[in-house]
């Protein structure tokens, strides 16, 4: 069987805590492992994006609003990539 999810591909998470978020495949496992005998993948993405800032905001407020919160998911994934779908967006 060929590779379903390749490293570096952008996916859209369909269910779970990060449903609706775009993520990048970091480490695919198409054949599964000894503890998870189904295909799954470790993905990384952005949980909280930076918010809009203006000139009138203080440096401290700009710093707080510019923070990015990443997420990594790979523990409890559903079998056969059931909750991930490929996006056409390129990862750059």
Protein backbone atom coordinates (compact mmCIF):
# COMPACT_ATOMS: atom_id res chain seq x y z
CA UNK A 1 0.00 0.00 0.00
CA UNK A 2 1.33 3.46 -0.89
CA UNK A 3 1.84 6.36 1.45
CA UNK A 4 -1.39 8.14 2.34
CA UNK A 5 -0.01 11.03 4.38
CA UNK A 6 3.42 12.39 3.51
CA UNK A 7 5.67 14.52 5.70
CA UNK A 8 5.17 18.24 5.12
CA UNK A 9 1.64 17.98 3.68
CA UNK A 10 -1.04 20.31 5.02
CA UNK A 11 -4.09 18.56 6.49
CA UNK A 12 -7.37 19.76 7.95
CA UNK A 13 -8.36 18.17 11.26
CA UNK A 14 -12.02 17.14 11.18
CA UNK A 15 -12.74 16.06 14.75
CA UNK A 16 -11.39 16.36 18.25
CA UNK A 17 -10.09 19.32 20.20
CA UNK A 18 -8.47 20.95 17.17
CA UNK A 19 -11.32 20.37 14.69
CA UNK A 20 -11.26 22.84 11.82
CA UNK A 21 -7.57 23.66 12.28
CA UNK A 22 -4.96 23.29 9.59
CA UNK A 23 -1.88 21.30 10.53
CA UNK A 24 1.28 19.91 8.94
CA UNK A 25 2.14 16.20 9.00
CA UNK A 26 5.38 15.80 10.96
CA UNK A 27 5.69 12.02 11.20
CA UNK A 28 3.32 9.64 9.38
CA UNK A 29 2.95 5.99 10.34
CA UNK A 30 1.04 4.22 7.55
CA UNK A 31 1.59 0.68 8.82
CA UNK A 32 1.06 1.52 12.48
CA UNK A 33 3.18 0.57 15.47
CA UNK A 34 3.13 -2.22 18.03
CA UNK A 35 0.96 -0.24 20.45
CA UNK A 36 -1.24 1.35 17.72
CA UNK A 37 -1.82 -1.23 14.94
CA UNK A 38 -3.55 1.30 12.67
CA UNK A 39 -2.27 4.12 10.47
CA UNK A 40 -1.83 7.42 12.28
CA UNK A 41 0.29 10.58 12.14
CA UNK A 42 1.91 13.19 14.36
CA UNK A 43 0.76 16.64 13.25
CA UNK A 44 1.68 20.19 14.30
CA UNK A 45 -0.25 23.40 13.82
CA UNK A 46 -1.21 26.77 15.26
CA UNK A 47 -3.78 26.74 18.07
CA UNK A 48 -3.99 30.50 18.63
CA UNK A 49 -3.11 32.95 15.86
CA UNK A 50 -1.78 36.49 16.48
CA UNK A 51 -4.46 39.16 16.86
CA UNK A 52 -4.71 42.53 15.18
CA UNK A 53 -2.53 45.32 16.61
CA UNK A 54 -2.62 49.09 16.11
CA UNK A 55 -0.12 51.91 16.55
CA UNK A 56 -1.86 53.19 19.67
CA UNK A 57 -1.28 49.98 21.66
CA UNK A 58 1.52 49.77 24.20
CA UNK A 59 4.55 47.53 23.64
CA UNK A 60 3.36 45.11 26.31
CA UNK A 61 -0.08 44.77 24.73
CA UNK A 62 1.43 44.32 21.25
CA UNK A 63 3.70 41.59 22.61
CA UNK A 64 0.77 39.76 24.24
CA UNK A 65 -1.40 40.00 21.13
CA UNK A 66 1.45 38.81 18.89
CA UNK A 67 1.89 35.52 20.76
CA UNK A 68 1.39 32.30 18.81
CA UNK A 69 0.35 29.09 20.56
CA UNK A 70 1.34 25.88 18.71
CA UNK A 71 -0.15 22.41 19.14
CA UNK A 72 1.10 18.89 18.51
CA UNK A 73 -1.30 16.00 18.17
CA UNK A 74 -0.42 12.38 17.80
CA UNK A 75 -1.54 10.50 20.87
CA UNK A 76 -5.18 9.51 20.49
CA UNK A 77 -5.83 9.55 16.76
CA UNK A 78 -8.65 7.72 15.08
CA UNK A 79 -7.76 4.81 12.77
CA UNK A 80 -6.92 5.23 9.10
CA UNK A 81 -6.57 9.02 9.17
CA UNK A 82 -10.34 9.27 9.63
CA UNK A 83 -10.13 12.73 11.14
CA UNK A 84 -7.63 14.29 8.70
CA UNK A 85 -8.14 15.41 5.13
CA UNK A 86 -5.58 16.85 2.70
CA UNK A 87 -5.70 20.57 1.86
CA UNK A 88 -4.60 22.10 -1.39
CA UNK A 89 -2.76 24.86 0.47
CA UNK A 90 1.00 24.62 0.01
CA UNK A 91 3.22 24.56 3.08
CA UNK A 92 6.02 27.10 2.76
